[in-house]
């Protein structure tokens, strides 16, 4: 139980943490991490941006890692922690950052069976840790005989993905697919008295609907999506009254499935040459017959019959 004044402040804080606009992450600082290749795709222009940079939420403890098996994946392992102060009658901590990157299917050269790799799906994953501790019960908070300790953590994520390349050529049509990631748990709250802290992990996975992406981008059936631009914004918050609320992001990854596309079939030069010689011989034969008929004094009907030979050869 806690006083109405504490309740209003606490609810306002956690509501603000949940609904602060994701667009705020596009302002202020930017940290660039570069490009990372697998055998099928290139993760390019990988960067972090946001109002809390430096350090931001996605600062990796080790360099980002790109792997090819079982599917192409880029993994970032940050460890930025926010924590409220147990000694304050009210404390609020909040951080948000945006990860942005492109995912491009590679073009293959010198291979007679593979032209390049098209993208078939994108799966976003984000996870972290939390810990809350509300030690004081009703009547144990100094100056607040009706209040108890209370702590809450909130985790949220938004995503945006748009097609940036079709058939290995730049593409700027259509719209992005956007939404909120399904995070479990998205918030955890505890009220004192507690003898020990409560801790756990939170996790969010989002599989992008490729049909929706094609429709939103206006990509035609039969064309290949070969480059996408991905943005993921994470927001974590903690609010507390004489307690501790701690949370962090520990993993961020983008995984893709791909399809090896065969080269476009082109007739071999000998086939083209033989076909051309056949048409030329047929046309020449038709003209020779026409000339012979004229010399022999055949009528117009024979001339018209001979004139049809060349078009027939060309159609064949």
C-alpha atoms as a PDB file:
ATOM      1  CA  UNK A   1       0.000   0.000   0.000  1.00  0.00           C
ATOM      2  CA  UNK A   2       1.242   3.543  -0.735  1.00  0.00           C
ATOM      3  CA  UNK A   3      -0.119   7.096  -0.607  1.00  0.00           C
ATOM      4  CA  UNK A   4      -2.058   8.666  -3.513  1.00  0.00           C
ATOM      5  CA  UNK A   5       0.777  11.134  -4.104  1.00  0.00           C
ATOM      6  CA  UNK A   6       3.328   8.338  -4.473  1.00  0.00           C
ATOM      7  CA  UNK A   7       0.887   6.392  -6.611  1.00  0.00           C
ATOM      8  CA  UNK A   8       0.404   9.270  -9.058  1.00  0.00           C
ATOM      9  CA  UNK A   9       4.154   9.835  -9.420  1.00  0.00           C
ATOM     10  CA  UNK A  10       4.894   6.163  -9.804  1.00  0.00           C
ATOM     11  CA  UNK A  11       2.195   5.532 -12.419  1.00  0.00           C
ATOM     12  CA  UNK A  12       3.213   8.658 -14.355  1.00  0.00           C
ATOM     13  CA  UNK A  13       6.832   7.498 -14.448  1.00  0.00           C
ATOM     14  CA  UNK A  14       6.215   3.989 -15.708  1.00  0.00           C
ATOM     15  CA  UNK A  15       3.626   5.250 -18.212  1.00  0.00           C
ATOM     16  CA  UNK A  16       6.147   7.727 -19.580  1.00  0.00           C
ATOM     17  CA  UNK A  17       8.729   4.952 -19.885  1.00  0.00           C
ATOM     18  CA  UNK A  18       6.370   2.765 -21.873  1.00  0.00           C
ATOM     19  CA  UNK A  19       4.995   5.345 -24.290  1.00  0.00           C
ATOM     20  CA  UNK A  20       7.860   7.732 -25.026  1.00  0.00           C
ATOM     21  CA  UNK A  21       7.923   8.000 -28.842  1.00  0.00           C
ATOM     22  CA  UNK A  22      10.409   5.763 -30.607  1.00  0.00           C
ATOM     23  CA  UNK A  23      11.245   8.626 -32.977  1.00  0.00           C
ATOM     24  CA  UNK A  24      13.265  10.279 -30.194  1.00  0.00           C
ATOM     25  CA  UNK A  25      15.954   7.664 -30.755  1.00  0.00           C
ATOM     26  CA  UNK A  26      16.809   9.185 -34.131  1.00  0.00           C
ATOM     27  CA  UNK A  27      18.119  12.414 -32.599  1.00  0.00           C
ATOM     28  CA  UNK A  28      21.380  13.259 -30.851  1.00  0.00           C
ATOM     29  CA  UNK A  29      24.403  10.976 -31.183  1.00  0.00           C
ATOM     30  CA  UNK A  30      25.283   8.193 -33.609  1.00  0.00           C
ATOM     31  CA  UNK A  31      27.855   5.399 -33.297  1.00  0.00           C
ATOM     32  CA  UNK A  32      28.849   3.529 -36.495  1.00  0.00           C
ATOM     33  CA  UNK A  33      29.994  -0.093 -36.360  1.00  0.00           C
ATOM     34  CA  UNK A  34      30.598  -0.744 -40.085  1.00  0.00           C
ATOM     35  CA  UNK A  35      29.770  -3.710 -42.342  1.00  0.00           C
ATOM     36  CA  UNK A  36      29.746  -7.433 -41.558  1.00  0.00           C
ATOM     37  CA  UNK A  37      29.665 -10.241 -44.149  1.00  0.00           C
ATOM     38  CA  UNK A  38      28.442 -13.813 -44.231  1.00  0.00           C
ATOM     39  CA  UNK A  39      28.545 -16.166 -47.205  1.00  0.00           C
ATOM     40  CA  UNK A  40      25.002 -15.155 -48.236  1.00  0.00           C
ATOM     41  CA  UNK A  41      24.406 -11.573 -47.034  1.00  0.00           C
ATOM     42  CA  UNK A  42      26.133  -8.357 -46.030  1.00  0.00           C
ATOM     43  CA  UNK A  43      24.956  -6.517 -42.906  1.00  0.00           C
ATOM     44  CA  UNK A  44      25.874  -2.990 -43.896  1.00  0.00           C
ATOM     45  CA  UNK A  45      25.830   0.467 -42.296  1.00  0.00           C
ATOM     46  CA  UNK A  46      25.316  -0.975 -38.824  1.00  0.00           C
ATOM     47  CA  UNK A  47      24.878   1.905 -36.385  1.00  0.00           C
ATOM     48  CA  UNK A  48      23.326   2.973 -33.094  1.00  0.00           C
ATOM     49  CA  UNK A  49      21.602   6.309 -32.591  1.00  0.00           C
ATOM     50  CA  UNK A  50      19.631   8.038 -29.871  1.00  0.00           C
ATOM     51  CA  UNK A  51      19.404  10.685 -27.195  1.00  0.00           C
ATOM     52  CA  UNK A  52      21.347   8.554 -24.716  1.00  0.00           C
ATOM     53  CA  UNK A  53      24.467   8.229 -26.876  1.00  0.00           C
ATOM     54  CA  UNK A  54      27.040   7.896 -25.555  1.00  0.00           C
ATOM     55  CA  UNK A  55      26.815   5.232 -24.275  1.00  0.00           C
ATOM     56  CA  UNK A  56      23.405   4.077 -25.557  1.00  0.00           C
ATOM     57  CA  UNK A  57      21.746   0.730 -24.932  1.00  0.00           C
ATOM     58  CA  UNK A  58      23.472  -1.326 -27.622  1.00  0.00           C
ATOM     59  CA  UNK A  59      27.136  -0.679 -26.858  1.00  0.00           C
ATOM     60  CA  UNK A  60      28.704  -4.117 -27.499  1.00  0.00           C
ATOM     61  CA  UNK A  61      30.999  -5.677 -24.936  1.00  0.00           C
ATOM     62  CA  UNK A  62      32.721  -7.363 -27.907  1.00  0.00           C
ATOM     63  CA  UNK A  63      32.581  -6.501 -31.636  1.00  0.00           C
ATOM     64  CA  UNK A  64      29.357  -7.511 -33.472  1.00  0.00           C
ATOM     65  CA  UNK A  65      29.499 -11.041 -34.864  1.00  0.00           C
ATOM     66  CA  UNK A  66      28.131 -12.185 -38.254  1.00  0.00           C
ATOM     67  CA  UNK A  67      27.575 -15.924 -38.758  1.00  0.00           C
ATOM     68  CA  UNK A  68      26.264 -18.044 -41.658  1.00  0.00           C
ATOM     69  CA  UNK A  69      25.031 -21.252 -39.972  1.00  0.00           C
ATOM     70  CA  UNK A  70      22.261 -22.255 -39.733  1.00  0.00           C
ATOM     71  CA  UNK A  71      21.115 -18.939 -41.264  1.00  0.00           C
ATOM     72  CA  UNK A  72      22.836 -15.577 -41.741  1.00  0.00           C
ATOM     73  CA  UNK A  73      22.737 -13.690 -38.456  1.00  0.00           C
ATOM     74  CA  UNK A  74      24.221 -10.532 -36.941  1.00  0.00           C
ATOM     75  CA  UNK A  75      24.522 -10.620 -33.142  1.00  0.00           C
ATOM     76  CA  UNK A  76      25.362  -7.746 -30.809  1.00  0.00           C
ATOM     77  CA  UNK A  77      25.975  -8.373 -27.099  1.00  0.00           C
ATOM     78  CA  UNK A  78      25.589  -5.148 -25.089  1.00  0.00           C
ATOM     79  CA  UNK A  79      25.536  -4.800 -21.329  1.00  0.00           C
ATOM     80  CA  UNK A  80      24.278  -1.358 -20.342  1.00  0.00           C
ATOM     81  CA  UNK A  81      22.413  -1.392 -17.024  1.00  0.00           C
ATOM     82  CA  UNK A  82      20.025   1.171 -15.537  1.00  0.00           C
ATOM     83  CA  UNK A  83      19.267   1.137 -11.815  1.00  0.00           C
ATOM     84  CA  UNK A  84      17.261   3.249  -9.372  1.00  0.00           C
ATOM     85  CA  UNK A  85      18.439   4.274  -5.901  1.00  0.00           C
ATOM     86  CA  UNK A  86      17.023   2.380  -2.904  1.00  0.00           C
ATOM     87  CA  UNK A  87      17.635   5.411  -0.661  1.00  0.00           C
ATOM     88  CA  UNK A  88      15.323   7.793  -2.556  1.00  0.00           C
ATOM     89  CA  UNK A  89      11.653   8.296  -1.816  1.00  0.00           C
ATOM     90  CA  UNK A  90      11.153   8.269  -5.582  1.00  0.00           C
ATOM     91  CA  UNK A  91      13.614   7.499  -8.379  1.00  0.00           C
ATOM     92  CA  UNK A  92      13.217   6.996 -12.117  1.00  0.00           C
ATOM     93  CA  UNK A  93      15.778   5.704 -14.673  1.00  0.00           C
ATOM     94  CA  UNK A  94      15.229   5.464 -18.411  1.00  0.00           C
ATOM     95  CA  UNK A  95      17.238   4.757 -21.567  1.00  0.00           C
ATOM     96  CA  UNK A  96      16.351   4.329 -25.229  1.00  0.00           C
ATOM     97  CA  UNK A  97      18.432   3.660 -28.344  1.00  0.00           C
ATOM     98  CA  UNK A  98      17.895   2.646 -31.941  1.00  0.00           C
ATOM     99  CA  UNK A  99      19.832   0.049 -33.906  1.00  0.00           C
ATOM    100  CA  UNK A 100      19.824   0.600 -37.657  1.00  0.00           C
ATOM    101  CA  UNK A 101      21.302  -1.565 -40.415  1.00  0.00           C
ATOM    102  CA  UNK A 102      20.835  -2.850 -43.934  1.00  0.00           C
ATOM    103  CA  UNK A 103      20.655  -6.512 -44.943  1.00  0.00           C
ATOM    104  CA  UNK A 104      21.745  -7.146 -48.534  1.00  0.00           C
ATOM    105  CA  UNK A 105      21.772 -10.441 -50.402  1.00  0.00           C
ATOM    106  CA  UNK A 106      25.145 -10.982 -52.034  1.00  0.00           C
ATOM    107  CA  UNK A 107      25.731 -11.133 -55.776  1.00  0.00           C
ATOM    108  CA  UNK A 108      27.784 -14.161 -56.820  1.00  0.00           C
ATOM    109  CA  UNK A 109      30.279 -13.853 -59.665  1.00  0.00           C
ATOM    110  CA  UNK A 110      31.990 -16.637 -61.560  1.00  0.00           C
ATOM    111  CA  UNK A 111      29.409 -19.239 -60.559  1.00  0.00           C
ATOM    112  CA  UNK A 112      27.339 -20.924 -63.262  1.00  0.00           C
ATOM    113  CA  UNK A 113      24.689 -22.215 -60.833  1.00  0.00           C
ATOM    114  CA  UNK A 114      24.111 -19.245 -58.482  1.00  0.00           C
ATOM    115  CA  UNK A 115      23.435 -15.666 -59.590  1.00  0.00           C
ATOM    116  CA  UNK A 116      23.028 -14.333 -56.065  1.00  0.00           C
ATOM    117  CA  UNK A 117      21.042 -14.613 -52.839  1.00  0.00           C
ATOM    118  CA  UNK A 118      17.526 -13.234 -52.319  1.00  0.00           C
ATOM    119  CA  UNK A 119      16.072 -12.557 -48.853  1.00  0.00           C
ATOM    120  CA  UNK A 120      13.135 -14.714 -47.737  1.00  0.00           C
ATOM    121  CA  UNK A 121      12.587 -13.638 -44.117  1.00  0.00           C
ATOM    122  CA  UNK A 122      13.828 -11.491 -41.251  1.00  0.00           C
ATOM    123  CA  UNK A 123      13.583 -12.328 -37.551  1.00  0.00           C
ATOM    124  CA  UNK A 124      14.430  -9.756 -34.864  1.00  0.00           C
ATOM    125  CA  UNK A 125      15.444 -10.792 -31.355  1.00  0.00           C
ATOM    126  CA  UNK A 126      16.178  -8.776 -28.247  1.00  0.00           C
ATOM    127  CA  UNK A 127      16.600  -9.871 -24.624  1.00  0.00           C
ATOM    128  CA  UNK A 128      17.936  -8.746 -21.278  1.00  0.00           C
ATOM    129  CA  UNK A 129      17.929  -9.076 -17.499  1.00  0.00           C
ATOM    130  CA  UNK A 130      15.973  -7.435 -14.697  1.00  0.00           C
ATOM    131  CA  UNK A 131      16.101  -7.318 -10.899  1.00  0.00           C
ATOM    132  CA  UNK A 132      13.764  -5.614  -8.425  1.00  0.00           C
ATOM    133  CA  UNK A 133      13.986  -5.272  -4.651  1.00  0.00           C
ATOM    134  CA  UNK A 134      11.367  -3.614  -2.446  1.00  0.00           C
ATOM    135  CA  UNK A 135      12.522  -4.181   1.157  1.00  0.00           C
ATOM    136  CA  UNK A 136      10.168  -1.987   3.232  1.00  0.00           C
ATOM    137  CA  UNK A 137       6.620  -2.734   4.267  1.00  0.00           C
ATOM    138  CA  UNK A 138       3.799  -0.437   5.314  1.00  0.00           C
ATOM    139  CA  UNK A 139       4.915   1.928   8.063  1.00  0.00           C
ATOM    140  CA  UNK A 140       8.634   1.307   7.491  1.00  0.00           C
ATOM    141  CA  UNK A 141       9.258   4.213   5.082  1.00  0.00           C
ATOM    142  CA  UNK A 142      10.488   7.324   6.926  1.00  0.00           C
ATOM    143  CA  UNK A 143       7.810  10.004   6.992  1.00  0.00           C
ATOM    144  CA  UNK A 144       5.284   7.814   5.141  1.00  0.00           C
ATOM    145  CA  UNK A 145       3.499   5.592   7.657  1.00  0.00           C
ATOM    146  CA  UNK A 146       0.954   4.382   5.076  1.00  0.00           C
ATOM    147  CA  UNK A 147       3.395   3.585   2.262  1.00  0.00           C
ATOM    148  CA  UNK A 148       5.471   0.561   1.376  1.00  0.00           C
ATOM    149  CA  UNK A 149       8.422   0.116  -0.989  1.00  0.00           C
ATOM    150  CA  UNK A 150       7.488  -0.466  -4.601  1.00  0.00           C
ATOM    151  CA  UNK A 151       9.638  -1.132  -7.673  1.00  0.00           C
ATOM    152  CA  UNK A 152       8.825  -1.641 -11.346  1.00  0.00           C
ATOM    153  CA  UNK A 153      10.779  -2.279 -14.544  1.00  0.00           C
ATOM    154  CA  UNK A 154       9.406  -1.843 -18.058  1.00  0.00           C
ATOM    155  CA  UNK A 155      10.873  -3.086 -21.379  1.00  0.00           C
ATOM    156  CA  UNK A 156       9.605  -2.177 -24.850  1.00  0.00           C
ATOM    157  CA  UNK A 157      10.727  -2.434 -28.475  1.00  0.00           C
ATOM    158  CA  UNK A 158       9.517  -1.036 -31.804  1.00  0.00           C
ATOM    159  CA  UNK A 159      10.644  -2.044 -35.284  1.00  0.00           C
ATOM    160  CA  UNK A 160      10.564  -0.710 -38.837  1.00  0.00           C
ATOM    161  CA  UNK A 161      11.620  -2.571 -41.994  1.00  0.00           C
ATOM    162  CA  UNK A 162      11.430  -1.431 -45.615  1.00  0.00           C
ATOM    163  CA  UNK A 163      12.604  -2.814 -48.937  1.00  0.00           C
ATOM    164  CA  UNK A 164      15.755  -1.052 -50.179  1.00  0.00           C
ATOM    165  CA  UNK A 165      16.734  -3.356 -53.047  1.00  0.00           C
ATOM    166  CA  UNK A 166      14.967  -5.531 -55.629  1.00  0.00           C
ATOM    167  CA  UNK A 167      16.752  -7.878 -58.033  1.00  0.00           C
ATOM    168  CA  UNK A 168      20.092  -6.551 -56.708  1.00  0.00           C
ATOM    169  CA  UNK A 169      19.175  -2.987 -57.739  1.00  0.00           C
ATOM    170  CA  UNK A 170      18.311  -0.031 -55.421  1.00  0.00           C
ATOM    171  CA  UNK A 171      14.599   0.293 -54.697  1.00  0.00           C
ATOM    172  CA  UNK A 172      12.706   3.097 -52.951  1.00  0.00           C
ATOM    173  CA  UNK A 173       9.044   2.320 -53.594  1.00  0.00           C
ATOM    174  CA  UNK A 174       6.238   1.629 -51.156  1.00  0.00           C
ATOM    175  CA  UNK A 175       6.147   1.944 -47.381  1.00  0.00           C
ATOM    176  CA  UNK A 176       7.833   0.399 -44.367  1.00  0.00           C
ATOM    177  CA  UNK A 177       6.275  -2.267 -42.158  1.00  0.00           C
ATOM    178  CA  UNK A 178       6.248  -1.113 -38.519  1.00  0.00           C
ATOM    179  CA  UNK A 179       5.073  -2.479 -35.191  1.00  0.00           C
ATOM    180  CA  UNK A 180       5.812  -3.252 -31.555  1.00  0.00           C
ATOM    181  CA  UNK A 181       7.817  -6.279 -30.522  1.00  0.00           C
ATOM    182  CA  UNK A 182       6.114  -8.842 -28.302  1.00  0.00           C
ATOM    183  CA  UNK A 183       8.254  -8.820 -25.130  1.00  0.00           C
ATOM    184  CA  UNK A 184       7.788 -11.267 -22.241  1.00  0.00           C
ATOM    185  CA  UNK A 185       7.604 -10.067 -19.562  1.00  0.00           C
ATOM    186  CA  UNK A 186       7.133  -6.465 -20.682  1.00  0.00           C
ATOM    187  CA  UNK A 187       7.008  -5.242 -17.082  1.00  0.00           C
ATOM    188  CA  UNK A 188       7.590  -6.561 -13.582  1.00  0.00           C
ATOM    189  CA  UNK A 189       6.407  -4.915 -10.349  1.00  0.00           C
ATOM    190  CA  UNK A 190       6.957  -5.748  -6.685  1.00  0.00           C
ATOM    191  CA  UNK A 191       5.719  -4.240  -3.409  1.00  0.00           C
ATOM    192  CA  UNK A 192       7.486  -4.656  -0.063  1.00  0.00           C
ATOM    193  CA  UNK A 193       8.326  -6.026   2.271  1.00  0.00           C
ATOM    194  CA  UNK A 194      10.782  -8.331   0.460  1.00  0.00           C
ATOM    195  CA  UNK A 195      13.569 -10.281   2.115  1.00  0.00           C
ATOM    196  CA  UNK A 196      15.464 -10.675  -1.172  1.00  0.00           C
ATOM    197  CA  UNK A 197      15.434  -9.386  -4.724  1.00  0.00           C
ATOM    198  CA  UNK A 198      13.433 -10.875  -7.588  1.00  0.00           C
ATOM    199  CA  UNK A 199      15.388 -11.357 -10.814  1.00  0.00           C
ATOM    200  CA  UNK A 200      14.850 -12.865 -14.234  1.00  0.00           C
ATOM    201  CA  UNK A 201      15.228 -12.438 -17.967  1.00  0.00           C
ATOM    202  CA  UNK A 202      12.997 -10.764 -20.545  1.00  0.00           C
ATOM    203  CA  UNK A 203      12.825 -11.736 -24.200  1.00  0.00           C
ATOM    204  CA  UNK A 204      11.302 -10.431 -27.429  1.00  0.00           C
ATOM    205  CA  UNK A 205      11.230 -12.112 -30.851  1.00  0.00           C
ATOM    206  CA  UNK A 206       9.568 -10.672 -33.944  1.00  0.00           C
ATOM    207  CA  UNK A 207       9.211 -12.558 -37.233  1.00  0.00           C
ATOM    208  CA  UNK A 208       8.548 -10.067 -40.022  1.00  0.00           C
ATOM    209  CA  UNK A 209       5.588 -11.021 -42.215  1.00  0.00           C
ATOM    210  CA  UNK A 210       7.184 -11.189 -45.673  1.00  0.00           C
ATOM    211  CA  UNK A 211       3.815 -11.078 -47.443  1.00  0.00           C
ATOM    212  CA  UNK A 212       2.973  -7.813 -45.676  1.00  0.00           C
ATOM    213  CA  UNK A 213       6.410  -6.446 -46.555  1.00  0.00           C
ATOM    214  CA  UNK A 214       5.972  -7.251 -50.258  1.00  0.00           C
ATOM    215  CA  UNK A 215       2.509  -5.722 -50.291  1.00  0.00           C
ATOM    216  CA  UNK A 216       3.573  -2.548 -48.452  1.00  0.00           C
ATOM    217  CA  UNK A 217       6.605  -2.103 -50.688  1.00  0.00           C
ATOM    218  CA  UNK A 218       4.814  -2.865 -53.950  1.00  0.00           C
ATOM    219  CA  UNK A 219       7.274  -5.599 -54.933  1.00  0.00           C
ATOM    220  CA  UNK A 220       5.857  -7.667 -57.802  1.00  0.00           C
ATOM    221  CA  UNK A 221       5.530 -11.436 -57.762  1.00  0.00           C
ATOM    222  CA  UNK A 222       8.566 -12.950 -59.435  1.00  0.00           C
ATOM    223  CA  UNK A 223      10.876 -10.140 -58.293  1.00  0.00           C
ATOM    224  CA  UNK A 224      13.429 -10.805 -55.573  1.00  0.00           C
ATOM    225  CA  UNK A 225      13.868  -8.740 -52.398  1.00  0.00           C
ATOM    226  CA  UNK A 226      17.614  -8.339 -52.109  1.00  0.00           C
ATOM    227  CA  UNK A 227      18.081  -5.485 -49.599  1.00  0.00           C
ATOM    228  CA  UNK A 228      16.109  -4.298 -46.575  1.00  0.00           C
ATOM    229  CA  UNK A 229      16.623  -1.436 -44.113  1.00  0.00           C
ATOM    230  CA  UNK A 230      15.949  -2.402 -40.494  1.00  0.00           C
ATOM    231  CA  UNK A 231      15.464  -0.160 -37.460  1.00  0.00           C
ATOM    232  CA  UNK A 232      14.800  -1.438 -33.937  1.00  0.00           C
ATOM    233  CA  UNK A 233      14.265   0.880 -30.968  1.00  0.00           C
ATOM    234  CA  UNK A 234      14.619  -0.470 -27.438  1.00  0.00           C
ATOM    235  CA  UNK A 235      13.378   1.356 -24.343  1.00  0.00           C
ATOM    236  CA  UNK A 236      13.962   0.207 -20.770  1.00  0.00           C
ATOM    237  CA  UNK A 237      12.879   1.949 -17.586  1.00  0.00           C
ATOM    238  CA  UNK A 238      12.826   1.534 -13.842  1.00  0.00           C
ATOM    239  CA  UNK A 239      10.810   3.380 -11.212  1.00  0.00           C
ATOM    240  CA  UNK A 240      11.025   2.904  -7.462  1.00  0.00           C
ATOM    241  CA  UNK A 241      10.022   4.175  -4.022  1.00  0.00           C
ATOM    242  CA  UNK A 242      12.662   3.309  -1.431  1.00  0.00           C
ATOM    243  CA  UNK A 243      13.546   0.277  -3.527  1.00  0.00           C
ATOM    244  CA  UNK A 244      15.744  -0.831  -6.429  1.00  0.00           C
ATOM    245  CA  UNK A 245      14.685  -1.407 -10.045  1.00  0.00           C
ATOM    246  CA  UNK A 246      17.379  -2.694 -12.410  1.00  0.00           C
ATOM    247  CA  UNK A 247      17.132  -3.737 -16.073  1.00  0.00           C
ATOM    248  CA  UNK A 248      19.382  -4.092 -19.118  1.00  0.00           C
ATOM    249  CA  UNK A 249      19.646  -5.211 -22.763  1.00  0.00           C
ATOM    250  CA  UNK A 250      22.091  -8.100 -23.206  1.00  0.00           C
ATOM    251  CA  UNK A 251      21.369  -9.446 -26.720  1.00  0.00           C
ATOM    252  CA  UNK A 252      20.244  -8.009 -30.036  1.00  0.00           C
ATOM    253  CA  UNK A 253      20.223 -10.022 -33.269  1.00  0.00           C
ATOM    254  CA  UNK A 254      18.898  -9.981 -36.824  1.00  0.00           C
ATOM    255  CA  UNK A 255      18.500 -13.357 -38.562  1.00  0.00           C
ATOM    256  CA  UNK A 256      17.633 -13.943 -42.213  1.00  0.00           C
ATOM    257  CA  UNK A 257      16.800 -16.853 -44.468  1.00  0.00           C
ATOM    258  CA  UNK A 258      17.913 -16.691 -48.081  1.00  0.00           C
ATOM    259  CA  UNK A 259      17.390 -18.395 -51.423  1.00  0.00           C
ATOM    260  CA  UNK A 260      20.114 -19.081 -53.982  1.00  0.00           C
ATOM    261  CA  UNK A 261      18.873 -17.740 -57.328  1.00  0.00           C
ATOM    262  CA  UNK A 262      20.015 -19.401 -60.537  1.00  0.00           C
ATOM    263  CA  UNK A 263      21.343 -17.267 -63.413  1.00  0.00           C
ATOM    264  CA  UNK A 264      18.955 -16.231 -66.193  1.00  0.00           C
ATOM    265  CA  UNK A 265      19.172 -18.789 -69.024  1.00  0.00           C
ATOM    266  CA  UNK A 266      20.923 -17.315 -72.106  1.00  0.00           C
ATOM    267  CA  UNK A 267      21.439 -19.301 -75.374  1.00  0.00           C
ATOM    268  CA  UNK A 268      25.036 -20.261 -75.955  1.00  0.00           C
ATOM    269  CA  UNK A 269      26.849 -18.491 -78.862  1.00  0.00           C
ATOM    270  CA  UNK A 270      27.023 -21.618 -81.096  1.00  0.00           C
ATOM    271  CA  UNK A 271      23.240 -22.049 -80.792  1.00  0.00           C
ATOM    272  CA  UNK A 272      22.640 -18.404 -81.751  1.00  0.00           C
ATOM    273  CA  UNK A 273      25.010 -18.699 -84.725  1.00  0.00           C
ATOM    274  CA  UNK A 274      23.392 -21.888 -86.013  1.00  0.00           C
ATOM    275  CA  UNK A 275      19.905 -20.395 -85.684  1.00  0.00           C
ATOM    276  CA  UNK A 276      21.014 -17.284 -87.583  1.00  0.00           C
ATOM    277  CA  UNK A 277      22.589 -19.332 -90.383  1.00  0.00           C
ATOM    278  CA  UNK A 278      19.406 -21.384 -90.721  1.00  0.00           C
ATOM    279  CA  UNK A 279      17.224 -18.272 -91.084  1.00  0.00           C
ATOM    280  CA  UNK A 280      19.643 -16.724 -93.580  1.00  0.00           C
ATOM    281  CA  UNK A 281      19.696 -19.895 -95.705  1.00  0.00           C
ATOM    282  CA  UNK A 282      15.905 -20.090 -95.698  1.00  0.00           C
ATOM    283  CA  UNK A 283      15.507 -16.457 -96.756  1.00  0.00           C
ATOM    284  CA  UNK A 284      18.149 -16.805 -99.479  1.00  0.00           C
ATOM    285  CA  UNK A 285      16.433 -19.903-100.829  1.00  0.00           C
ATOM    286  CA  UNK A 286      13.148 -18.033-101.039  1.00  0.00           C
ATOM    287  CA  UNK A 287      14.636 -15.193-103.034  1.00  0.00           C
ATOM    288  CA  UNK A 288      16.363 -17.621-105.404  1.00  0.00           C
ATOM    289  CA  UNK A 289      13.030 -19.313-106.120  1.00  0.00           C
ATOM    290  CA  UNK A 290      11.377 -15.968-106.722  1.00  0.00           C
ATOM    291  CA  UNK A 291      14.089 -14.938-109.203  1.00  0.00           C
ATOM    292  CA  UNK A 292      13.903 -18.321-110.989  1.00  0.00           C
ATOM    293  CA  UNK A 293      10.139 -18.082-111.321  1.00  0.00           C
ATOM    294  CA  UNK A 294      10.369 -14.650-112.897  1.00  0.00           C
ATOM    295  CA  UNK A 295      12.978 -15.836-115.396  1.00  0.00           C
ATOM    296  CA  UNK A 296      10.760 -18.811-116.335  1.00  0.00           C
ATOM    297  CA  UNK A 297       7.848 -16.475-116.937  1.00  0.00           C
ATOM    298  CA  UNK A 298       5.629 -17.739-114.141  1.00  0.00           C
ATOM    299  CA  UNK A 299       2.684 -15.574-113.239  1.00  0.00           C
ATOM    300  CA  UNK A 300       2.029 -13.320-110.229  1.00  0.00           C
ATOM    301  CA  UNK A 301       0.671 -16.241-108.193  1.00  0.00           C
ATOM    302  CA  UNK A 302       4.113 -17.883-108.182  1.00  0.00           C
ATOM    303  CA  UNK A 303       5.757 -14.592-107.170  1.00  0.00           C
ATOM    304  CA  UNK A 304       3.353 -14.174-104.269  1.00  0.00           C
ATOM    305  CA  UNK A 305       3.952 -17.778-103.141  1.00  0.00           C
ATOM    306  CA  UNK A 306       7.707 -17.256-103.197  1.00  0.00           C
ATOM    307  CA  UNK A 307       7.374 -13.994-101.222  1.00  0.00           C
ATOM    308  CA  UNK A 308       5.757 -15.874 -98.326  1.00  0.00           C
ATOM    309  CA  UNK A 309       8.777 -18.095 -97.813  1.00  0.00           C
ATOM    310  CA  UNK A 310      10.948 -15.489 -96.052  1.00  0.00           C
ATOM    311  CA  UNK A 311       8.358 -14.514 -93.423  1.00  0.00           C
ATOM    312  CA  UNK A 312       7.686 -18.171 -92.702  1.00  0.00           C
ATOM    313  CA  UNK A 313      11.399 -18.812 -92.200  1.00  0.00           C
ATOM    314  CA  UNK A 314      11.682 -15.833 -89.843  1.00  0.00           C
ATOM    315  CA  UNK A 315       8.750 -17.031 -87.745  1.00  0.00           C
ATOM    316  CA  UNK A 316      10.250 -20.505 -87.560  1.00  0.00           C
END
